């Protein structure tokens, strides 16, 4: 199964030391090598966001994110895992699972 993994900030991160924490670059290298991470990258800050809508035949573009929030998407990864439990295990290894939050969404299977 494919999953879209949003890497997000969190206004209330876990700040306790984690002796098992590994840098994101190590997580990326490990999951690239294992074939569980198909694609991913950091994204620009929310100040560079544009929301595009079409209303009454006109294209309407607004600056900034759609939702007012203190949590921002700062990156994404596309994972290939056998099931949701495996995707959760992969996401839990990411340092932002502790310092931010991770959101997993399975790709639509067309059913």
C-alpha atoms as a PDB file:
ATOM      1  CA  UNK A   1       0.000   0.000   0.000  1.00  0.00           C
ATOM      2  CA  UNK A   2       1.116   3.548  -0.672  1.00  0.00           C
ATOM      3  CA  UNK A   3       0.815   6.236   1.966  1.00  0.00           C
ATOM      4  CA  UNK A   4       1.312   9.982   1.872  1.00  0.00           C
ATOM      5  CA  UNK A   5       3.133  11.043   5.010  1.00  0.00           C
ATOM      6  CA  UNK A   6       2.820  14.703   5.965  1.00  0.00           C
ATOM      7  CA  UNK A   7       5.586  15.940   8.269  1.00  0.00           C
ATOM      8  CA  UNK A   8       4.224  18.780  10.400  1.00  0.00           C
ATOM      9  CA  UNK A   9       5.236  21.146  13.155  1.00  0.00           C
ATOM     10  CA  UNK A  10       3.460  20.901  16.483  1.00  0.00           C
ATOM     11  CA  UNK A  11       2.882  23.769  18.931  1.00  0.00           C
ATOM     12  CA  UNK A  12       3.352  21.300  21.821  1.00  0.00           C
ATOM     13  CA  UNK A  13       6.344  19.097  20.907  1.00  0.00           C
ATOM     14  CA  UNK A  14       7.768  16.431  23.181  1.00  0.00           C
ATOM     15  CA  UNK A  15      10.940  18.088  24.462  1.00  0.00           C
ATOM     16  CA  UNK A  16      12.185  15.200  26.614  1.00  0.00           C
ATOM     17  CA  UNK A  17      15.546  13.808  25.502  1.00  0.00           C
ATOM     18  CA  UNK A  18      15.261  10.707  23.321  1.00  0.00           C
ATOM     19  CA  UNK A  19      18.381   8.518  23.337  1.00  0.00           C
ATOM     20  CA  UNK A  20      17.067   6.589  20.302  1.00  0.00           C
ATOM     21  CA  UNK A  21      16.480   9.691  18.152  1.00  0.00           C
ATOM     22  CA  UNK A  22      18.246   9.726  14.792  1.00  0.00           C
ATOM     23  CA  UNK A  23      18.636  12.630  12.383  1.00  0.00           C
ATOM     24  CA  UNK A  24      16.105  12.894   9.552  1.00  0.00           C
ATOM     25  CA  UNK A  25      18.857  12.311   6.982  1.00  0.00           C
ATOM     26  CA  UNK A  26      19.566   8.916   8.572  1.00  0.00           C
ATOM     27  CA  UNK A  27      15.839   8.039   8.509  1.00  0.00           C
ATOM     28  CA  UNK A  28      15.697   9.026   4.819  1.00  0.00           C
ATOM     29  CA  UNK A  29      18.791   6.974   3.930  1.00  0.00           C
ATOM     30  CA  UNK A  30      17.525   3.913   5.813  1.00  0.00           C
ATOM     31  CA  UNK A  31      14.061   3.943   4.233  1.00  0.00           C
ATOM     32  CA  UNK A  32      15.337   4.823   0.759  1.00  0.00           C
ATOM     33  CA  UNK A  33      17.640   1.787   0.956  1.00  0.00           C
ATOM     34  CA  UNK A  34      14.812  -0.429   2.245  1.00  0.00           C
ATOM     35  CA  UNK A  35      12.453   0.751  -0.503  1.00  0.00           C
ATOM     36  CA  UNK A  36       9.813   1.943   1.970  1.00  0.00           C
ATOM     37  CA  UNK A  37      10.336   5.616   1.069  1.00  0.00           C
ATOM     38  CA  UNK A  38       9.609   6.260  -2.599  1.00  0.00           C
ATOM     39  CA  UNK A  39       9.783  10.050  -2.654  1.00  0.00           C
ATOM     40  CA  UNK A  40       9.909  12.973  -0.275  1.00  0.00           C
ATOM     41  CA  UNK A  41      11.227  16.435   0.384  1.00  0.00           C
ATOM     42  CA  UNK A  42      11.009  19.493   2.570  1.00  0.00           C
ATOM     43  CA  UNK A  43       8.631  22.198   1.412  1.00  0.00           C
ATOM     44  CA  UNK A  44       8.847  25.988   1.495  1.00  0.00           C
ATOM     45  CA  UNK A  45       7.484  27.939   4.466  1.00  0.00           C
ATOM     46  CA  UNK A  46       3.792  28.740   4.737  1.00  0.00           C
ATOM     47  CA  UNK A  47       4.537  32.350   3.738  1.00  0.00           C
ATOM     48  CA  UNK A  48       5.139  31.067   0.191  1.00  0.00           C
ATOM     49  CA  UNK A  49       1.847  29.147   0.039  1.00  0.00           C
ATOM     50  CA  UNK A  50      -0.757  30.045  -2.554  1.00  0.00           C
ATOM     51  CA  UNK A  51      -4.324  28.773  -2.475  1.00  0.00           C
ATOM     52  CA  UNK A  52      -5.879  28.452  -5.937  1.00  0.00           C
ATOM     53  CA  UNK A  53      -9.642  28.262  -6.419  1.00  0.00           C
ATOM     54  CA  UNK A  54     -11.969  28.749  -9.343  1.00  0.00           C
ATOM     55  CA  UNK A  55     -15.131  30.737  -8.600  1.00  0.00           C
ATOM     56  CA  UNK A  56     -17.683  31.994 -11.127  1.00  0.00           C
ATOM     57  CA  UNK A  57     -15.292  31.160 -13.959  1.00  0.00           C
ATOM     58  CA  UNK A  58     -12.426  33.178 -12.449  1.00  0.00           C
ATOM     59  CA  UNK A  59      -9.223  31.913 -10.919  1.00  0.00           C
ATOM     60  CA  UNK A  60      -8.849  33.266  -7.388  1.00  0.00           C
ATOM     61  CA  UNK A  61      -5.402  33.100  -5.796  1.00  0.00           C
ATOM     62  CA  UNK A  62      -4.779  33.985  -2.169  1.00  0.00           C
ATOM     63  CA  UNK A  63      -1.527  34.081  -0.241  1.00  0.00           C
ATOM     64  CA  UNK A  64      -0.954  31.897   2.771  1.00  0.00           C
ATOM     65  CA  UNK A  65      -2.277  28.511   3.813  1.00  0.00           C
ATOM     66  CA  UNK A  66      -5.949  27.623   3.539  1.00  0.00           C
ATOM     67  CA  UNK A  67      -6.395  26.815   7.217  1.00  0.00           C
ATOM     68  CA  UNK A  68      -5.498  29.086  10.102  1.00  0.00           C
ATOM     69  CA  UNK A  69      -3.281  26.919  12.257  1.00  0.00           C
ATOM     70  CA  UNK A  70      -0.186  26.863  14.408  1.00  0.00           C
ATOM     71  CA  UNK A  71       0.710  23.510  12.845  1.00  0.00           C
ATOM     72  CA  UNK A  72       2.355  23.644   9.413  1.00  0.00           C
ATOM     73  CA  UNK A  73       3.226  20.991   6.871  1.00  0.00           C
ATOM     74  CA  UNK A  74       7.003  21.212   6.468  1.00  0.00           C
ATOM     75  CA  UNK A  75       7.629  18.124   4.359  1.00  0.00           C
ATOM     76  CA  UNK A  76       6.189  14.989   2.843  1.00  0.00           C
ATOM     77  CA  UNK A  77       7.153  11.434   2.015  1.00  0.00           C
ATOM     78  CA  UNK A  78       5.494   8.749  -0.080  1.00  0.00           C
ATOM     79  CA  UNK A  79       5.789   5.373   1.621  1.00  0.00           C
ATOM     80  CA  UNK A  80       5.275   1.856   0.284  1.00  0.00           C
ATOM     81  CA  UNK A  81       4.327  -0.461   3.136  1.00  0.00           C
ATOM     82  CA  UNK A  82       2.418  -3.744   3.375  1.00  0.00           C
ATOM     83  CA  UNK A  83      -0.283  -2.216   5.595  1.00  0.00           C
ATOM     84  CA  UNK A  84      -1.178   0.676   7.899  1.00  0.00           C
ATOM     85  CA  UNK A  85       0.595  -0.866  10.899  1.00  0.00           C
ATOM     86  CA  UNK A  86       3.862  -1.030   8.952  1.00  0.00           C
ATOM     87  CA  UNK A  87       3.422   2.592   7.805  1.00  0.00           C
ATOM     88  CA  UNK A  88       2.823   3.655  11.410  1.00  0.00           C
ATOM     89  CA  UNK A  89       6.029   1.897  12.478  1.00  0.00           C
ATOM     90  CA  UNK A  90       8.009   3.698   9.742  1.00  0.00           C
ATOM     91  CA  UNK A  91       6.456   7.067  10.642  1.00  0.00           C
ATOM     92  CA  UNK A  92       7.140   6.544  14.354  1.00  0.00           C
ATOM     93  CA  UNK A  93      10.881   6.284  13.592  1.00  0.00           C
ATOM     94  CA  UNK A  94      10.923   9.803  12.093  1.00  0.00           C
ATOM     95  CA  UNK A  95      12.270  12.396  14.537  1.00  0.00           C
ATOM     96  CA  UNK A  96       9.331  14.705  13.797  1.00  0.00           C
ATOM     97  CA  UNK A  97       6.965  12.112  15.277  1.00  0.00           C
ATOM     98  CA  UNK A  98       8.365  13.329  18.606  1.00  0.00           C
ATOM     99  CA  UNK A  99       9.285  16.929  17.830  1.00  0.00           C
ATOM    100  CA  UNK A 100       6.295  17.601  15.593  1.00  0.00           C
ATOM    101  CA  UNK A 101       3.630  15.299  14.255  1.00  0.00           C
ATOM    102  CA  UNK A 102       3.223  12.905  11.373  1.00  0.00           C
ATOM    103  CA  UNK A 103       0.002  12.453   9.423  1.00  0.00           C
ATOM    104  CA  UNK A 104      -0.458   9.323   7.314  1.00  0.00           C
ATOM    105  CA  UNK A 105      -3.002   9.051   4.527  1.00  0.00           C
ATOM    106  CA  UNK A 106      -3.376   5.958   2.381  1.00  0.00           C
ATOM    107  CA  UNK A 107      -3.599   6.592  -1.335  1.00  0.00           C
ATOM    108  CA  UNK A 108      -7.086   6.052  -2.694  1.00  0.00           C
ATOM    109  CA  UNK A 109      -7.418   2.527  -4.016  1.00  0.00           C
ATOM    110  CA  UNK A 110     -10.271   3.359  -6.384  1.00  0.00           C
ATOM    111  CA  UNK A 111     -12.772   1.145  -4.575  1.00  0.00           C
END
